[in-house]
Amino acid sequence: MLAKYFLPVALAAGTLLLSGAGSRAMPMVKPSAASLPIETVGWRCGPGWHMNHWHNCVPNHRVRPLRARHWHPRFWAHHHWHPGYWG
């Protein structure tokens, strides 16, 4: 009866101990290891803001296209012709 219960428990415990012998929770790093190429980035302006070309913080916004300018021809007003203009 001792072999009926003791042998499977001893076998399971031995398997668990031997399977974890080569692993470590936190492996030690070699002192000669090169540092990882990770760059720390900070939120200098904060969320919703970015830096422009002059290093000023400006809000994020959609870029709206400029309205097309049209040439208006000469027009008659105040009893004489006026020159055209861009508008």
N, C-alpha and C. Protein backbone atom coordinates (compact mmCIF):
# COMPACT_ATOMS: atom_id res chain seq x y z
N MET A 1 0.80 -1.19 0.00
CA MET A 1 0.00 0.00 0.00
C MET A 1 0.86 1.27 0.00
N LEU A 2 2.01 1.19 0.61
CA LEU A 2 2.91 2.34 0.64
C LEU A 2 3.39 2.67 -0.78
N ALA A 3 3.68 1.65 -1.56
CA ALA A 3 4.15 1.87 -2.92
C ALA A 3 3.02 2.37 -3.82
N LYS A 4 1.81 2.05 -3.46
CA LYS A 4 0.67 2.48 -4.28
C LYS A 4 0.49 3.99 -4.24
N TYR A 5 0.75 4.66 -3.10
CA TYR A 5 0.58 6.10 -2.97
C TYR A 5 1.90 6.85 -2.99
N PHE A 6 2.92 6.28 -2.42
CA PHE A 6 4.20 6.98 -2.28
C PHE A 6 4.94 7.11 -3.60
N LEU A 7 4.95 6.08 -4.42
CA LEU A 7 5.70 6.09 -5.67
C LEU A 7 5.19 7.15 -6.65
N PRO A 8 3.90 7.29 -6.89
CA PRO A 8 3.45 8.36 -7.81
C PRO A 8 3.72 9.78 -7.28
N VAL A 9 3.58 9.98 -5.97
CA VAL A 9 3.86 11.29 -5.39
C VAL A 9 5.34 11.61 -5.50
N ALA A 10 6.22 10.66 -5.22
CA ALA A 10 7.66 10.88 -5.33
C ALA A 10 8.07 11.11 -6.78
N LEU A 11 7.47 10.41 -7.70
CA LEU A 11 7.77 10.59 -9.11
C LEU A 11 7.35 11.99 -9.59
N ALA A 12 6.17 12.44 -9.19
CA ALA A 12 5.70 13.77 -9.57
C ALA A 12 6.57 14.87 -8.96
N ALA A 13 6.94 14.72 -7.68
CA ALA A 13 7.79 15.73 -7.03
C ALA A 13 9.16 15.77 -7.67
N GLY A 14 9.73 14.63 -7.99
CA GLY A 14 11.04 14.60 -8.63
C GLY A 14 11.02 15.22 -10.01
N THR A 15 9.96 14.99 -10.76
CA THR A 15 9.83 15.58 -12.09
C THR A 15 9.73 17.10 -12.01
N LEU A 16 8.96 17.59 -11.06
CA LEU A 16 8.83 19.04 -10.90
C LEU A 16 10.14 19.69 -10.48
N LEU A 17 10.87 19.05 -9.59
CA LEU A 17 12.14 19.61 -9.14
C LEU A 17 13.18 19.61 -10.25
N LEU A 18 13.23 18.54 -11.02
CA LEU A 18 14.23 18.46 -12.09
C LEU A 18 13.88 19.36 -13.28
N SER A 19 12.61 19.60 -13.53
CA SER A 19 12.24 20.44 -14.67
C SER A 19 12.55 21.91 -14.40
N GLY A 20 12.55 22.33 -13.15
CA GLY A 20 12.83 23.72 -12.82
C GLY A 20 14.26 23.99 -12.43
N ALA A 21 15.15 23.01 -12.55
CA ALA A 21 16.53 23.18 -12.10
C ALA A 21 17.30 24.15 -12.98
N GLY A 22 17.06 24.15 -14.29
CA GLY A 22 17.82 25.00 -15.20
C GLY A 22 17.24 26.39 -15.39
N SER A 23 16.06 26.64 -14.91
CA SER A 23 15.44 27.95 -15.13
C SER A 23 15.61 28.84 -13.90
N ARG A 24 15.61 30.13 -14.15
CA ARG A 24 15.71 31.11 -13.07
C ARG A 24 14.60 32.14 -13.25
N ALA A 25 14.19 32.71 -12.15
CA ALA A 25 13.12 33.71 -12.23
C ALA A 25 13.65 34.99 -12.88
N MET A 26 14.89 35.39 -12.56
CA MET A 26 15.47 36.60 -13.12
C MET A 26 16.92 36.32 -13.47
N PRO A 27 17.22 36.04 -14.72
CA PRO A 27 18.60 35.74 -15.08
C PRO A 27 19.50 36.95 -14.92
N MET A 28 20.72 36.72 -14.54
CA MET A 28 21.68 37.81 -14.35
C MET A 28 22.18 38.28 -15.71
N VAL A 29 22.35 39.58 -15.86
CA VAL A 29 22.83 40.16 -17.11
C VAL A 29 24.34 40.27 -17.05
N LYS A 30 24.99 39.95 -18.15
CA LYS A 30 26.44 40.06 -18.21
C LYS A 30 26.82 41.54 -18.21
N PRO A 31 27.88 41.93 -17.51
CA PRO A 31 28.27 43.34 -17.49
C PRO A 31 28.73 43.85 -18.84
N SER A 32 29.16 42.99 -19.74
CA SER A 32 29.64 43.43 -21.04
C SER A 32 28.52 43.51 -22.07
N ALA A 33 27.29 43.27 -21.67
CA ALA A 33 26.18 43.30 -22.62
C ALA A 33 25.91 44.72 -23.07
N ALA A 34 25.65 44.90 -24.34
CA ALA A 34 25.36 46.23 -24.89
C ALA A 34 23.97 46.67 -24.47
N SER A 35 23.80 47.98 -24.34
CA SER A 35 22.49 48.49 -23.94
C SER A 35 21.52 48.36 -25.12
N LEU A 36 20.25 48.24 -24.81
CA LEU A 36 19.23 48.09 -25.84
C LEU A 36 18.98 49.43 -26.52
N PRO A 37 18.66 49.43 -27.81
CA PRO A 37 18.41 50.70 -28.52
C PRO A 37 17.03 51.25 -28.21
N ILE A 38 16.84 51.70 -26.98
CA ILE A 38 15.55 52.24 -26.55
C ILE A 38 15.76 53.71 -26.23
N GLU A 39 14.90 54.55 -26.77
CA GLU A 39 15.00 55.98 -26.53
C GLU A 39 13.82 56.42 -25.67
N THR A 40 14.11 57.17 -24.63
CA THR A 40 13.06 57.67 -23.76
C THR A 40 12.45 58.91 -24.39
N VAL A 41 11.12 58.89 -24.53
CA VAL A 41 10.42 60.00 -25.15
C VAL A 41 9.49 60.60 -24.12
N GLY A 42 9.56 61.91 -23.95
CA GLY A 42 8.70 62.57 -22.98
C GLY A 42 7.63 63.40 -23.67
N TRP A 43 6.57 63.67 -22.95
CA TRP A 43 5.52 64.53 -23.45
C TRP A 43 5.87 65.95 -23.06
N ARG A 44 6.71 66.59 -23.83
CA ARG A 44 7.16 67.93 -23.48
C ARG A 44 6.01 68.92 -23.50
N CYS A 45 5.15 68.81 -24.49
CA CYS A 45 4.05 69.76 -24.63
C CYS A 45 2.76 69.27 -24.00
N GLY A 46 2.66 67.99 -23.73
CA GLY A 46 1.45 67.45 -23.15
C GLY A 46 0.56 66.84 -24.21
N PRO A 47 -0.43 66.06 -23.81
CA PRO A 47 -1.31 65.43 -24.79
C PRO A 47 -2.16 66.48 -25.51
N GLY A 48 -2.30 66.31 -26.81
CA GLY A 48 -3.09 67.24 -27.61
C GLY A 48 -2.27 68.41 -28.14
N TRP A 49 -0.97 68.43 -27.86
CA TRP A 49 -0.08 69.50 -28.31
C TRP A 49 1.13 68.88 -28.97
N HIS A 50 1.79 69.64 -29.83
CA HIS A 50 3.03 69.21 -30.45
C HIS A 50 3.94 70.41 -30.64
N MET A 51 5.21 70.13 -30.96
CA MET A 51 6.17 71.22 -31.16
C MET A 51 6.24 71.57 -32.65
N ASN A 52 6.26 72.87 -32.95
CA ASN A 52 6.40 73.30 -34.33
C ASN A 52 7.88 73.47 -34.67
N HIS A 53 8.16 74.05 -35.83
CA HIS A 53 9.55 74.19 -36.28
C HIS A 53 10.36 75.15 -35.40
N TRP A 54 9.72 76.03 -34.69
CA TRP A 54 10.39 76.99 -33.82
C TRP A 54 10.42 76.52 -32.37
N HIS A 55 10.09 75.25 -32.13
CA HIS A 55 10.12 74.60 -30.81
C HIS A 55 9.14 75.24 -29.83
N ASN A 56 8.01 75.69 -30.35
CA ASN A 56 6.92 76.19 -29.51
C ASN A 56 5.84 75.12 -29.46
N CYS A 57 5.14 75.03 -28.33
CA CYS A 57 4.04 74.07 -28.20
C CYS A 57 2.79 74.67 -28.83
N VAL A 58 2.22 73.96 -29.79
CA VAL A 58 1.01 74.41 -30.47
C VAL A 58 -0.01 73.28 -30.41
N PRO A 59 -1.32 73.60 -30.41
CA PRO A 59 -2.33 72.54 -30.32
C PRO A 59 -2.42 71.75 -31.63
N ASN A 60 -2.77 70.48 -31.49
CA ASN A 60 -3.02 69.64 -32.66
C ASN A 60 -4.35 70.07 -33.26
N HIS A 61 -4.39 70.18 -34.56
CA HIS A 61 -5.63 70.52 -35.24
C HIS A 61 -5.56 69.99 -36.66
N ARG A 62 -6.73 69.93 -37.28
CA ARG A 62 -6.78 69.50 -38.67
C ARG A 62 -6.25 70.61 -39.55
N VAL A 63 -5.55 70.23 -40.59
CA VAL A 63 -5.07 71.21 -41.55
C VAL A 63 -6.17 71.44 -42.57
N ARG A 64 -6.65 72.66 -42.63
CA ARG A 64 -7.70 72.99 -43.58
C ARG A 64 -7.07 73.58 -44.83
N PRO A 65 -7.48 73.13 -45.99
CA PRO A 65 -6.91 73.70 -47.21
C PRO A 65 -7.32 75.16 -47.37
N LEU A 66 -6.41 75.94 -47.93
CA LEU A 66 -6.73 77.35 -48.15
C LEU A 66 -7.75 77.47 -49.28
N ARG A 67 -8.60 78.47 -49.17
CA ARG A 67 -9.56 78.70 -50.24
C ARG A 67 -8.83 79.19 -51.48
N ALA A 68 -9.31 78.77 -52.61
CA ALA A 68 -8.71 79.22 -53.87
C ALA A 68 -9.03 80.70 -54.07
N ARG A 69 -8.02 81.44 -54.48
CA ARG A 69 -8.23 82.86 -54.74
C ARG A 69 -8.65 83.04 -56.19
N HIS A 70 -9.55 83.93 -56.41
CA HIS A 70 -10.08 84.17 -57.75
C HIS A 70 -9.83 85.62 -58.15
N TRP A 71 -9.59 85.80 -59.43
CA TRP A 71 -9.41 87.14 -59.95
C TRP A 71 -10.77 87.72 -60.31
N HIS A 72 -11.05 88.87 -59.75
CA HIS A 72 -12.29 89.57 -60.07
C HIS A 72 -11.95 90.66 -61.08
N PRO A 73 -12.66 90.67 -62.19
CA PRO A 73 -12.33 91.67 -63.23
C PRO A 73 -12.72 93.07 -62.79
N ARG A 74 -12.40 93.99 -63.65
CA ARG A 74 -12.76 95.39 -63.36
C ARG A 74 -14.26 95.52 -63.15
N PHE A 75 -14.64 96.48 -62.35
CA PHE A 75 -16.08 96.67 -62.09
C PHE A 75 -16.41 98.17 -62.10
N TRP A 76 -17.66 98.46 -62.39
CA TRP A 76 -18.16 99.84 -62.47
C TRP A 76 -18.79 100.24 -61.14
N ALA A 77 -18.29 101.28 -60.54
CA ALA A 77 -18.87 101.80 -59.30
C ALA A 77 -18.48 103.27 -59.16
N HIS A 78 -19.34 104.03 -58.57
CA HIS A 78 -19.09 105.46 -58.31
C HIS A 78 -18.74 106.21 -59.60
N HIS A 79 -19.43 105.86 -60.67
CA HIS A 79 -19.34 106.56 -61.95
C HIS A 79 -18.02 106.38 -62.67
N HIS A 80 -17.24 105.35 -62.35
CA HIS A 80 -16.05 105.04 -63.15
C HIS A 80 -15.62 103.59 -62.92
N TRP A 81 -14.71 103.09 -63.77
CA TRP A 81 -14.25 101.72 -63.69
C TRP A 81 -13.15 101.59 -62.64
N HIS A 82 -13.24 100.52 -61.85
CA HIS A 82 -12.20 100.24 -60.85
C HIS A 82 -11.38 99.04 -61.32
N PRO A 83 -10.08 98.95 -60.94
CA PRO A 83 -9.26 97.82 -61.40
C PRO A 83 -9.69 96.52 -60.74
N GLY A 84 -9.29 95.43 -61.35
CA GLY A 84 -9.61 94.13 -60.78
C GLY A 84 -8.79 93.83 -59.52
N TYR A 85 -9.14 92.77 -58.81
CA TYR A 85 -8.45 92.43 -57.56
C TYR A 85 -8.55 90.93 -57.31
N TRP A 86 -7.67 90.46 -56.48
CA TRP A 86 -7.69 89.06 -56.04
C TRP A 86 -8.54 88.96 -54.79
N GLY A 87 -9.41 87.99 -54.72
CA GLY A 87 -10.21 87.85 -53.51
C GLY A 87 -10.73 86.46 -53.33
